Amino acid sequence: MRILTATLSSVSPYGQSRHIQSAKSRDETHEEFEARTWRERMHVTKDGKMMIPPMAFKNCLSEAAKYKSVQIAGKGKATYTKHFEAGVLVTEPLHLPITKKDLQGEWVFVPSDGQRGGGRRVLKCFPLIPHWEGEVNFYILDDIITEEVFKQVLETSGSLIGIGRFRPRNMGYYGRFKIVSMQFGSV
């Protein structure tokens, strides 16, 4: 097993959209409910600091491998897609130096059911991080994935797939990132 420690830095804002667990009270308007509960859309640690979940990076990388469809030399038409899906892990979140109470929200007019093209629209507030940077550890379990291919796929994941709400893969422009540095090692 190899480990790649990548320092990543945002090139566009990052938005979160976790499901809200709180119930709306009977006498509360939609706007009052949003104003009271929007911070529940954040991914936070027990001490209230924001984080980017590990699966955001894992899924972004798997989507990029599928998108690129890089063929494996000497294996005919076989691509690296399944090797990235099953052979790479990200197990730790990226901790951000932002607390739940310090972050500002972004009010957006969106479909009430969350589906693009939905008929009824409402105002919702989403957490928005203007800039982030940090280290992410990618555990590469599948030896067929070369360092060169991994770097190509990671670059594509940051520029064309993205993480979070309104990312490029979902026809947005938030959640894009670049590679600041990469270091391969073994575990």
N, C-alpha and C. Protein backbone atom coordinates (compact mmCIF):
# COMPACT_ATOMS: atom_id res chain seq x y z
N MET A 1 0.86 -1.18 0.00
CA MET A 1 0.00 0.00 0.00
C MET A 1 0.90 1.24 0.00
N ARG A 2 0.51 2.20 -0.83
CA ARG A 2 1.20 3.49 -0.88
C ARG A 2 0.29 4.58 -0.34
N ILE A 3 0.91 5.66 0.06
CA ILE A 3 0.14 6.81 0.53
C ILE A 3 0.61 8.04 -0.25
N LEU A 4 -0.33 8.81 -0.69
CA LEU A 4 -0.03 10.08 -1.34
C LEU A 4 -0.56 11.17 -0.43
N THR A 5 0.33 12.04 0.01
CA THR A 5 -0.08 13.20 0.79
C THR A 5 -0.09 14.38 -0.18
N ALA A 6 -1.26 14.91 -0.42
CA ALA A 6 -1.43 16.02 -1.35
C ALA A 6 -1.86 17.26 -0.59
N THR A 7 -1.15 18.34 -0.82
CA THR A 7 -1.58 19.64 -0.31
C THR A 7 -2.44 20.25 -1.40
N LEU A 8 -3.69 20.50 -1.07
CA LEU A 8 -4.65 21.03 -2.02
C LEU A 8 -5.08 22.42 -1.61
N SER A 9 -5.38 23.26 -2.59
CA SER A 9 -5.81 24.62 -2.31
C SER A 9 -6.97 24.98 -3.24
N SER A 10 -7.97 25.63 -2.69
CA SER A 10 -9.15 25.98 -3.49
C SER A 10 -8.81 27.01 -4.55
N VAL A 11 -9.51 26.91 -5.68
CA VAL A 11 -9.43 27.94 -6.72
C VAL A 11 -10.80 28.59 -6.94
N SER A 12 -11.79 28.10 -6.20
CA SER A 12 -13.12 28.70 -6.19
C SER A 12 -13.72 28.42 -4.81
N PRO A 13 -14.76 29.14 -4.41
CA PRO A 13 -15.38 28.89 -3.11
C PRO A 13 -15.87 27.44 -2.99
N TYR A 14 -16.06 27.00 -1.76
CA TYR A 14 -16.56 25.65 -1.47
C TYR A 14 -17.83 25.77 -0.65
N GLY A 15 -18.90 25.12 -1.12
CA GLY A 15 -20.17 25.17 -0.42
C GLY A 15 -20.57 23.79 0.09
N GLN A 16 -21.19 23.78 1.25
CA GLN A 16 -21.68 22.52 1.82
C GLN A 16 -23.20 22.52 1.82
N SER A 17 -23.78 21.31 1.83
CA SER A 17 -25.24 21.21 1.77
C SER A 17 -25.75 19.96 2.48
N ARG A 18 -25.20 19.70 3.65
CA ARG A 18 -25.63 18.54 4.44
C ARG A 18 -27.12 18.66 4.76
N HIS A 19 -27.78 17.51 4.92
CA HIS A 19 -29.21 17.48 5.22
C HIS A 19 -29.48 18.03 6.61
N ILE A 20 -30.51 18.88 6.72
CA ILE A 20 -30.91 19.44 8.02
C ILE A 20 -31.78 18.43 8.76
N GLN A 21 -31.44 18.20 10.02
CA GLN A 21 -32.17 17.22 10.85
C GLN A 21 -33.31 17.86 11.65
N SER A 22 -33.20 19.13 11.96
CA SER A 22 -34.21 19.80 12.79
C SER A 22 -35.56 19.86 12.10
N ALA A 23 -36.58 19.85 12.92
CA ALA A 23 -37.95 19.98 12.39
C ALA A 23 -38.38 21.44 12.46
N LYS A 24 -39.20 21.80 11.52
CA LYS A 24 -39.75 23.16 11.47
C LYS A 24 -40.91 23.24 12.46
N SER A 25 -40.92 24.27 13.29
CA SER A 25 -42.03 24.41 14.23
C SER A 25 -43.26 24.94 13.50
N ARG A 26 -44.40 24.72 14.09
CA ARG A 26 -45.68 25.06 13.46
C ARG A 26 -45.84 26.55 13.15
N ASP A 27 -45.35 27.39 14.05
CA ASP A 27 -45.54 28.83 13.88
C ASP A 27 -44.36 29.52 13.19
N GLU A 28 -43.44 28.74 12.65
CA GLU A 28 -42.22 29.27 12.03
C GLU A 28 -42.39 29.37 10.50
N THR A 29 -41.99 30.50 9.92
CA THR A 29 -42.03 30.62 8.46
C THR A 29 -40.82 29.89 7.88
N HIS A 30 -40.86 29.66 6.57
CA HIS A 30 -39.73 29.00 5.91
C HIS A 30 -38.44 29.81 6.12
N GLU A 31 -38.52 31.14 5.98
CA GLU A 31 -37.35 31.99 6.13
C GLU A 31 -36.80 31.94 7.56
N GLU A 32 -37.69 31.92 8.54
CA GLU A 32 -37.25 31.82 9.94
C GLU A 32 -36.57 30.49 10.21
N PHE A 33 -37.14 29.42 9.65
CA PHE A 33 -36.55 28.09 9.79
C PHE A 33 -35.15 28.05 9.19
N GLU A 34 -35.00 28.60 7.97
CA GLU A 34 -33.69 28.65 7.31
C GLU A 34 -32.68 29.44 8.13
N ALA A 35 -33.09 30.60 8.62
CA ALA A 35 -32.19 31.45 9.40
C ALA A 35 -31.75 30.74 10.68
N ARG A 36 -32.63 29.94 11.27
CA ARG A 36 -32.31 29.24 12.52
C ARG A 36 -31.45 28.01 12.28
N THR A 37 -31.64 27.31 11.17
CA THR A 37 -31.03 25.98 11.02
C THR A 37 -29.94 25.85 9.95
N TRP A 38 -29.66 26.88 9.16
CA TRP A 38 -28.75 26.72 8.02
C TRP A 38 -27.38 26.19 8.41
N ARG A 39 -26.91 26.47 9.59
CA ARG A 39 -25.58 25.98 10.01
C ARG A 39 -25.55 24.45 10.14
N GLU A 40 -26.72 23.81 10.21
CA GLU A 40 -26.76 22.34 10.23
C GLU A 40 -26.30 21.75 8.89
N ARG A 41 -26.24 22.56 7.86
CA ARG A 41 -25.77 22.08 6.56
C ARG A 41 -24.24 21.93 6.54
N MET A 42 -23.58 22.37 7.57
CA MET A 42 -22.12 22.28 7.64
C MET A 42 -21.69 20.91 8.15
N HIS A 43 -20.54 20.47 7.69
CA HIS A 43 -19.89 19.29 8.25
C HIS A 43 -18.91 19.80 9.30
N VAL A 44 -19.13 19.44 10.55
CA VAL A 44 -18.29 19.95 11.63
C VAL A 44 -17.81 18.82 12.54
N THR A 45 -16.71 19.10 13.24
CA THR A 45 -16.18 18.17 14.24
C THR A 45 -16.95 18.40 15.54
N LYS A 46 -16.66 17.58 16.54
CA LYS A 46 -17.35 17.72 17.83
C LYS A 46 -17.07 19.06 18.50
N ASP A 47 -15.91 19.65 18.20
CA ASP A 47 -15.59 20.94 18.81
C ASP A 47 -16.07 22.13 17.97
N GLY A 48 -16.89 21.87 16.94
CA GLY A 48 -17.51 22.94 16.17
C GLY A 48 -16.69 23.50 15.02
N LYS A 49 -15.56 22.87 14.71
CA LYS A 49 -14.75 23.33 13.57
C LYS A 49 -15.21 22.63 12.30
N MET A 50 -15.18 23.38 11.21
CA MET A 50 -15.63 22.82 9.93
C MET A 50 -14.62 21.82 9.39
N MET A 51 -15.13 20.91 8.57
CA MET A 51 -14.28 19.93 7.92
C MET A 51 -14.86 19.60 6.56
N ILE A 52 -13.97 19.09 5.69
CA ILE A 52 -14.43 18.56 4.41
C ILE A 52 -14.38 17.05 4.57
N PRO A 53 -15.51 16.35 4.41
CA PRO A 53 -15.54 14.91 4.65
C PRO A 53 -14.60 14.15 3.70
N PRO A 54 -14.02 13.06 4.18
CA PRO A 54 -13.10 12.28 3.34
C PRO A 54 -13.76 11.77 2.06
N MET A 55 -15.03 11.42 2.12
CA MET A 55 -15.71 10.89 0.93
C MET A 55 -15.87 11.94 -0.16
N ALA A 56 -15.80 13.22 0.19
CA ALA A 56 -15.86 14.26 -0.84
C ALA A 56 -14.67 14.11 -1.79
N PHE A 57 -13.49 13.88 -1.21
CA PHE A 57 -12.29 13.70 -2.02
C PHE A 57 -12.27 12.35 -2.72
N LYS A 58 -12.70 11.31 -2.03
CA LYS A 58 -12.73 9.97 -2.62
C LYS A 58 -13.68 9.93 -3.81
N ASN A 59 -14.89 10.44 -3.63
CA ASN A 59 -15.87 10.42 -4.72
C ASN A 59 -15.44 11.32 -5.88
N CYS A 60 -14.84 12.44 -5.57
CA CYS A 60 -14.34 13.35 -6.60
C CYS A 60 -13.28 12.64 -7.45
N LEU A 61 -12.38 11.93 -6.80
CA LEU A 61 -11.32 11.20 -7.51
C LEU A 61 -11.90 10.08 -8.37
N SER A 62 -12.84 9.32 -7.84
CA SER A 62 -13.47 8.23 -8.60
C SER A 62 -14.22 8.77 -9.82
N GLU A 63 -14.93 9.89 -9.64
CA GLU A 63 -15.64 10.52 -10.77
C GLU A 63 -14.66 10.97 -11.85
N ALA A 64 -13.51 11.51 -11.42
CA ALA A 64 -12.51 11.97 -12.38
C ALA A 64 -11.91 10.80 -13.15
N ALA A 65 -11.68 9.68 -12.47
CA ALA A 65 -11.14 8.50 -13.16
C ALA A 65 -12.13 8.02 -14.22
N LYS A 66 -13.40 8.04 -13.87
CA LYS A 66 -14.45 7.65 -14.82
C LYS A 66 -14.51 8.64 -15.98
N TYR A 67 -14.42 9.92 -15.67
CA TYR A 67 -14.49 10.97 -16.67
C TYR A 67 -13.32 10.87 -17.66
N LYS A 68 -12.12 10.67 -17.14
CA LYS A 68 -10.93 10.61 -18.00
C LYS A 68 -10.84 9.32 -18.80
N SER A 69 -11.29 8.20 -18.22
CA SER A 69 -11.24 6.88 -18.87
C SER A 69 -9.86 6.58 -19.45
N VAL A 70 -8.82 6.79 -18.63
CA VAL A 70 -7.46 6.50 -19.07
C VAL A 70 -7.30 4.99 -19.21
N GLN A 71 -6.85 4.56 -20.39
CA GLN A 71 -6.67 3.12 -20.64
C GLN A 71 -5.38 2.63 -20.01
N ILE A 72 -5.41 1.40 -19.53
CA ILE A 72 -4.25 0.76 -18.92
C ILE A 72 -3.40 0.16 -20.04
N ALA A 73 -2.15 0.58 -20.09
CA ALA A 73 -1.24 0.08 -21.13
C ALA A 73 -1.13 -1.45 -21.07
N GLY A 74 -1.30 -2.09 -22.23
CA GLY A 74 -1.18 -3.54 -22.32
C GLY A 74 -2.42 -4.31 -21.89
N LYS A 75 -3.52 -3.61 -21.57
CA LYS A 75 -4.75 -4.28 -21.11
C LYS A 75 -5.93 -4.02 -22.06
N GLY A 76 -5.62 -3.77 -23.33
CA GLY A 76 -6.68 -3.54 -24.31
C GLY A 76 -7.44 -2.26 -24.03
N LYS A 77 -8.75 -2.35 -23.95
CA LYS A 77 -9.61 -1.18 -23.71
C LYS A 77 -9.89 -0.94 -22.22
N ALA A 78 -9.30 -1.75 -21.34
CA ALA A 78 -9.53 -1.61 -19.90
C ALA A 78 -9.03 -0.25 -19.41
N THR A 79 -9.81 0.37 -18.52
CA THR A 79 -9.43 1.68 -17.96
C THR A 79 -9.15 1.56 -16.46
N TYR A 80 -8.67 2.65 -15.88
CA TYR A 80 -8.34 2.68 -14.46
C TYR A 80 -9.56 2.91 -13.57
N THR A 81 -10.71 3.14 -14.14
CA THR A 81 -11.89 3.53 -13.36
C THR A 81 -12.13 2.63 -12.16
N LYS A 82 -12.27 1.33 -12.36
CA LYS A 82 -12.59 0.42 -11.24
C LYS A 82 -11.44 0.35 -10.24
N HIS A 83 -10.23 0.61 -10.69
CA HIS A 83 -9.08 0.58 -9.78
C HIS A 83 -9.10 1.79 -8.84
N PHE A 84 -9.56 2.94 -9.33
CA PHE A 84 -9.71 4.11 -8.47
C PHE A 84 -10.92 3.95 -7.54
N GLU A 85 -12.00 3.38 -8.06
CA GLU A 85 -13.20 3.22 -7.23
C GLU A 85 -12.95 2.28 -6.05
N ALA A 86 -12.29 1.16 -6.28
CA ALA A 86 -12.08 0.19 -5.20
C ALA A 86 -10.70 0.26 -4.57
N GLY A 87 -9.74 0.84 -5.26
CA GLY A 87 -8.35 0.76 -4.81
C GLY A 87 -7.76 2.00 -4.20
N VAL A 88 -8.58 3.00 -3.92
CA VAL A 88 -8.08 4.23 -3.28
C VAL A 88 -9.02 4.57 -2.12
N LEU A 89 -8.43 4.91 -0.98
CA LEU A 89 -9.20 5.30 0.20
C LEU A 89 -8.77 6.69 0.67
N VAL A 90 -9.71 7.43 1.20
CA VAL A 90 -9.42 8.65 1.95
C VAL A 90 -10.17 8.46 3.26
N THR A 91 -9.45 8.41 4.36
CA THR A 91 -10.08 8.04 5.63
C THR A 91 -10.22 9.18 6.63
N GLU A 92 -9.48 10.27 6.43
CA GLU A 92 -9.55 11.38 7.38
C GLU A 92 -10.11 12.62 6.69
N PRO A 93 -10.92 13.39 7.42
CA PRO A 93 -11.43 14.63 6.83
C PRO A 93 -10.33 15.68 6.77
N LEU A 94 -10.55 16.70 5.97
CA LEU A 94 -9.66 17.86 5.94
C LEU A 94 -10.24 18.88 6.90
N HIS A 95 -9.53 19.12 7.99
CA HIS A 95 -10.00 20.05 9.01
C HIS A 95 -9.70 21.48 8.59
N LEU A 96 -10.70 22.34 8.73
CA LEU A 96 -10.57 23.75 8.35
C LEU A 96 -10.51 24.61 9.61
N PRO A 97 -9.76 25.70 9.57
CA PRO A 97 -9.64 26.56 10.76
C PRO A 97 -10.81 27.54 10.90
N ILE A 98 -12.00 27.08 10.58
CA ILE A 98 -13.21 27.91 10.62
C ILE A 98 -14.18 27.27 11.60
N THR A 99 -14.75 28.07 12.47
CA THR A 99 -15.73 27.53 13.40
C THR A 99 -17.13 27.72 12.84
N LYS A 100 -18.02 26.92 13.34
CA LYS A 100 -19.42 26.94 12.90
C LYS A 100 -20.04 28.33 13.10
N LYS A 101 -19.71 28.96 14.19
CA LYS A 101 -20.32 30.26 14.49
C LYS A 101 -19.72 31.42 13.69
N ASP A 102 -18.50 31.26 13.16
CA ASP A 102 -17.84 32.34 12.44
C ASP A 102 -18.22 32.43 10.97
N LEU A 103 -18.73 31.37 10.41
CA LEU A 103 -18.97 31.32 8.97
C LEU A 103 -20.24 32.07 8.58
N GLN A 104 -20.17 32.73 7.43
CA GLN A 104 -21.33 33.41 6.88
C GLN A 104 -22.05 32.48 5.90
N GLY A 105 -23.32 32.67 5.75
CA GLY A 105 -24.10 31.86 4.82
C GLY A 105 -24.34 32.58 3.51
N GLU A 106 -24.69 31.81 2.49
CA GLU A 106 -25.03 32.36 1.18
C GLU A 106 -26.49 32.03 0.91
N TRP A 107 -27.31 33.06 0.75
CA TRP A 107 -28.72 32.87 0.47
C TRP A 107 -28.91 32.69 -1.03
N VAL A 108 -29.59 31.61 -1.41
CA VAL A 108 -29.75 31.25 -2.81
C VAL A 108 -31.22 30.89 -3.07
N PHE A 109 -31.73 31.29 -4.22
CA PHE A 109 -33.09 30.97 -4.65
C PHE A 109 -33.02 29.65 -5.41
N VAL A 110 -33.47 28.56 -4.78
CA VAL A 110 -33.31 27.21 -5.34
C VAL A 110 -34.64 26.47 -5.40
N PRO A 111 -34.71 25.39 -6.21
CA PRO A 111 -35.93 24.58 -6.23
C PRO A 111 -36.22 24.01 -4.83
N SER A 112 -37.46 24.07 -4.41
CA SER A 112 -37.82 23.63 -3.05
C SER A 112 -37.58 22.15 -2.83
N ASP A 113 -37.67 21.33 -3.90
CA ASP A 113 -37.46 19.89 -3.75
C ASP A 113 -36.01 19.47 -3.99
N GLY A 114 -35.13 20.44 -4.28
CA GLY A 114 -33.72 20.13 -4.51
C GLY A 114 -33.40 19.58 -5.89
N GLN A 115 -34.40 19.44 -6.74
CA GLN A 115 -34.20 18.89 -8.08
C GLN A 115 -34.11 20.02 -9.10
N ARG A 116 -33.11 19.97 -9.95
CA ARG A 116 -32.95 20.98 -10.99
C ARG A 116 -34.21 21.02 -11.86
N GLY A 117 -34.68 22.23 -12.14
CA GLY A 117 -35.87 22.38 -12.96
C GLY A 117 -37.17 22.29 -12.17
N GLY A 118 -37.06 22.14 -10.85
CA GLY A 118 -38.26 22.05 -10.01
C GLY A 118 -39.12 23.29 -10.17
N GLY A 119 -40.40 23.13 -10.08
CA GLY A 119 -41.33 24.22 -10.34
C GLY A 119 -41.36 25.29 -9.28
N ARG A 120 -41.31 24.94 -8.04
CA ARG A 120 -41.43 25.91 -6.95
C ARG A 120 -40.04 26.20 -6.40
N ARG A 121 -39.73 27.49 -6.21
CA ARG A 121 -38.42 27.89 -5.71
C ARG A 121 -38.57 28.60 -4.37
N VAL A 122 -37.55 28.42 -3.53
CA VAL A 122 -37.52 29.04 -2.21
C VAL A 122 -36.11 29.55 -1.91
N LEU A 123 -36.02 30.45 -0.95
CA LEU A 123 -34.70 30.91 -0.48
C LEU A 123 -34.16 29.92 0.54
N LYS A 124 -32.91 29.50 0.33
CA LYS A 124 -32.22 28.65 1.30
C LYS A 124 -30.85 29.23 1.54
N CYS A 125 -30.33 28.98 2.71
CA CYS A 125 -29.02 29.48 3.09
C CYS A 125 -28.05 28.31 3.18
N PHE A 126 -26.89 28.47 2.55
CA PHE A 126 -25.87 27.41 2.53
C PHE A 126 -24.55 27.95 3.06
N PRO A 127 -23.81 27.11 3.79
CA PRO A 127 -22.47 27.50 4.24
C PRO A 127 -21.57 27.69 3.02
N LEU A 128 -20.74 28.73 3.05
CA LEU A 128 -19.82 29.00 1.95
C LEU A 128 -18.45 29.37 2.50
N ILE A 129 -17.44 28.61 2.07
CA ILE A 129 -16.07 28.86 2.48
C ILE A 129 -15.37 29.51 1.29
N PRO A 130 -14.97 30.77 1.40
CA PRO A 130 -14.36 31.46 0.27
C PRO A 130 -13.03 30.83 -0.16
N HIS A 131 -12.23 30.35 0.79
CA HIS A 131 -10.93 29.75 0.46
C HIS A 131 -10.58 28.70 1.51
N TRP A 132 -9.95 27.62 1.06
CA TRP A 132 -9.46 26.59 1.97
C TRP A 132 -8.17 26.02 1.41
N GLU A 133 -7.38 25.39 2.29
CA GLU A 133 -6.15 24.72 1.89
C GLU A 133 -5.79 23.72 2.98
N GLY A 134 -5.20 22.60 2.58
CA GLY A 134 -4.77 21.61 3.56
C GLY A 134 -4.30 20.33 2.91
N GLU A 135 -3.86 19.41 3.76
CA GLU A 135 -3.34 18.12 3.30
C GLU A 135 -4.41 17.04 3.34
N VAL A 136 -4.42 16.24 2.29
CA VAL A 136 -5.32 15.09 2.21
C VAL A 136 -4.46 13.87 1.93
N ASN A 137 -4.69 12.80 2.70
CA ASN A 137 -3.97 11.55 2.50
C ASN A 137 -4.82 10.59 1.68
N PHE A 138 -4.28 10.17 0.55
CA PHE A 138 -4.92 9.19 -0.32
C PHE A 138 -4.16 7.87 -0.14
N TYR A 139 -4.85 6.82 0.29
CA TYR A 139 -4.23 5.50 0.44
C TYR A 139 -4.49 4.72 -0.84
N ILE A 140 -3.42 4.37 -1.53
CA ILE A 140 -3.53 3.69 -2.81
C ILE A 140 -3.27 2.20 -2.57
N LEU A 141 -4.34 1.42 -2.61
CA LEU A 141 -4.27 -0.01 -2.33
C LEU A 141 -3.98 -0.84 -3.57
N ASP A 142 -4.33 -0.31 -4.73
CA ASP A 142 -4.19 -1.04 -6.00
C ASP A 142 -2.88 -0.64 -6.68
N ASP A 143 -1.96 -1.58 -6.79
CA ASP A 143 -0.63 -1.30 -7.36
C ASP A 143 -0.64 -0.96 -8.83
N ILE A 144 -1.73 -1.21 -9.52
CA ILE A 144 -1.78 -0.91 -10.96
C ILE A 144 -1.84 0.60 -11.22
N ILE A 145 -2.24 1.37 -10.20
CA ILE A 145 -2.33 2.82 -10.33
C ILE A 145 -0.93 3.42 -10.20
N THR A 146 -0.45 4.03 -11.27
CA THR A 146 0.88 4.63 -11.26
C THR A 146 0.80 6.06 -10.70
N GLU A 147 1.95 6.58 -10.30
CA GLU A 147 2.01 7.94 -9.78
C GLU A 147 1.59 8.94 -10.85
N GLU A 148 2.02 8.72 -12.08
CA GLU A 148 1.69 9.63 -13.18
C GLU A 148 0.18 9.66 -13.43
N VAL A 149 -0.45 8.48 -13.46
CA VAL A 149 -1.89 8.41 -13.69
C VAL A 149 -2.64 9.03 -12.52
N PHE A 150 -2.17 8.75 -11.30
CA PHE A 150 -2.84 9.31 -10.12
C PHE A 150 -2.82 10.84 -10.19
N LYS A 151 -1.66 11.42 -10.54
CA LYS A 151 -1.56 12.87 -10.62
C LYS A 151 -2.51 13.43 -11.68
N GLN A 152 -2.59 12.78 -12.84
CA GLN A 152 -3.51 13.23 -13.91
C GLN A 152 -4.95 13.24 -13.42
N VAL A 153 -5.33 12.15 -12.76
CA VAL A 153 -6.72 12.03 -12.29
C VAL A 153 -7.01 13.03 -11.17
N LEU A 154 -6.05 13.24 -10.27
CA LEU A 154 -6.25 14.21 -9.19
C LEU A 154 -6.37 15.63 -9.75
N GLU A 155 -5.55 15.97 -10.74
CA GLU A 155 -5.66 17.29 -11.37
C GLU A 155 -7.03 17.47 -12.03
N THR A 156 -7.49 16.44 -12.71
CA THR A 156 -8.81 16.50 -13.34
C THR A 156 -9.91 16.62 -12.29
N SER A 157 -9.76 15.91 -11.17
CA SER A 157 -10.79 15.96 -10.14
C SER A 157 -10.94 17.37 -9.58
N GLY A 158 -9.83 18.09 -9.44
CA GLY A 158 -9.89 19.45 -8.92
C GLY A 158 -10.39 20.48 -9.91
N SER A 159 -10.10 20.26 -11.19
CA SER A 159 -10.49 21.28 -12.17
C SER A 159 -11.84 21.02 -12.83
N LEU A 160 -12.23 19.77 -13.02
CA LEU A 160 -13.45 19.47 -13.77
C LEU A 160 -14.56 18.79 -12.97
N ILE A 161 -14.23 18.22 -11.82
CA ILE A 161 -15.25 17.51 -11.02
C ILE A 161 -15.63 18.35 -9.79
N GLY A 162 -14.67 18.63 -8.92
CA GLY A 162 -14.90 19.46 -7.74
C GLY A 162 -15.55 18.74 -6.58
N ILE A 163 -15.66 19.47 -5.47
CA ILE A 163 -16.27 18.93 -4.24
C ILE A 163 -17.37 19.88 -3.77
N GLY A 164 -18.31 19.33 -3.02
CA GLY A 164 -19.34 20.14 -2.39
C GLY A 164 -20.50 20.51 -3.31
N ARG A 165 -21.25 21.49 -2.84
CA ARG A 165 -22.44 21.98 -3.53
C ARG A 165 -22.04 22.86 -4.71
N PHE A 166 -22.76 22.77 -5.78
CA PHE A 166 -22.60 23.59 -6.97
C PHE A 166 -21.21 23.41 -7.60
N ARG A 167 -20.74 22.15 -7.62
CA ARG A 167 -19.44 21.84 -8.21
C ARG A 167 -19.56 21.67 -9.72
N PRO A 168 -18.43 21.71 -10.45
CA PRO A 168 -18.48 21.60 -11.92
C PRO A 168 -19.21 20.35 -12.42
N ARG A 169 -19.04 19.23 -11.75
CA ARG A 169 -19.69 17.99 -12.19
C ARG A 169 -21.20 18.11 -12.17
N ASN A 170 -21.71 19.03 -11.33
CA ASN A 170 -23.15 19.26 -11.24
C ASN A 170 -23.54 20.60 -11.85
N MET A 171 -22.80 21.01 -12.88
CA MET A 171 -23.06 22.22 -13.65
C MET A 171 -22.87 23.50 -12.86
N GLY A 172 -21.95 23.49 -11.90
CA GLY A 172 -21.64 24.68 -11.13
C GLY A 172 -20.19 25.08 -11.31
N TYR A 173 -19.70 25.93 -10.41
CA TYR A 173 -18.31 26.33 -10.48
C TYR A 173 -17.63 26.42 -9.12
N TYR A 174 -18.31 26.06 -8.04
CA TYR A 174 -17.69 26.01 -6.72
C TYR A 174 -16.93 24.69 -6.57
N GLY A 175 -16.11 24.59 -5.52
CA GLY A 175 -15.48 23.33 -5.15
C GLY A 175 -14.27 22.93 -5.98
N ARG A 176 -13.77 23.83 -6.83
CA ARG A 176 -12.59 23.50 -7.63
C ARG A 176 -11.33 23.71 -6.79
N PHE A 177 -10.29 22.92 -7.06
CA PHE A 177 -9.05 23.03 -6.31
C PHE A 177 -7.86 22.68 -7.19
N LYS A 178 -6.67 23.06 -6.72
CA LYS A 178 -5.43 22.74 -7.42
C LYS A 178 -4.50 21.99 -6.47
N ILE A 179 -3.53 21.31 -7.07
CA ILE A 179 -2.51 20.61 -6.29
C ILE A 179 -1.37 21.58 -6.03
N VAL A 180 -1.06 21.80 -4.74
CA VAL A 180 0.06 22.64 -4.37
C VAL A 180 1.33 21.80 -4.33
N SER A 181 1.21 20.60 -3.72
CA SER A 181 2.34 19.67 -3.67
C SER A 181 1.81 18.25 -3.49
N MET A 182 2.64 17.28 -3.88
CA MET A 182 2.30 15.86 -3.73
C MET A 182 3.54 15.11 -3.26
N GLN A 183 3.33 14.17 -2.35
CA GLN A 183 4.45 13.36 -1.88
C GLN A 183 3.97 11.92 -1.75
N PHE A 184 4.60 11.02 -2.52
CA PHE A 184 4.28 9.60 -2.45
C PHE A 184 5.17 8.94 -1.40
N GLY A 185 4.60 7.99 -0.71
CA GLY A 185 5.35 7.20 0.27
C GLY A 185 4.69 5.85 0.41
N SER A 186 5.22 5.04 1.32
CA SER A 186 4.61 3.73 1.57
C SER A 186 4.24 3.62 3.03
N VAL A 187 3.25 2.78 3.30
CA VAL A 187 2.75 2.61 4.65
C VAL A 187 3.22 1.28 5.20
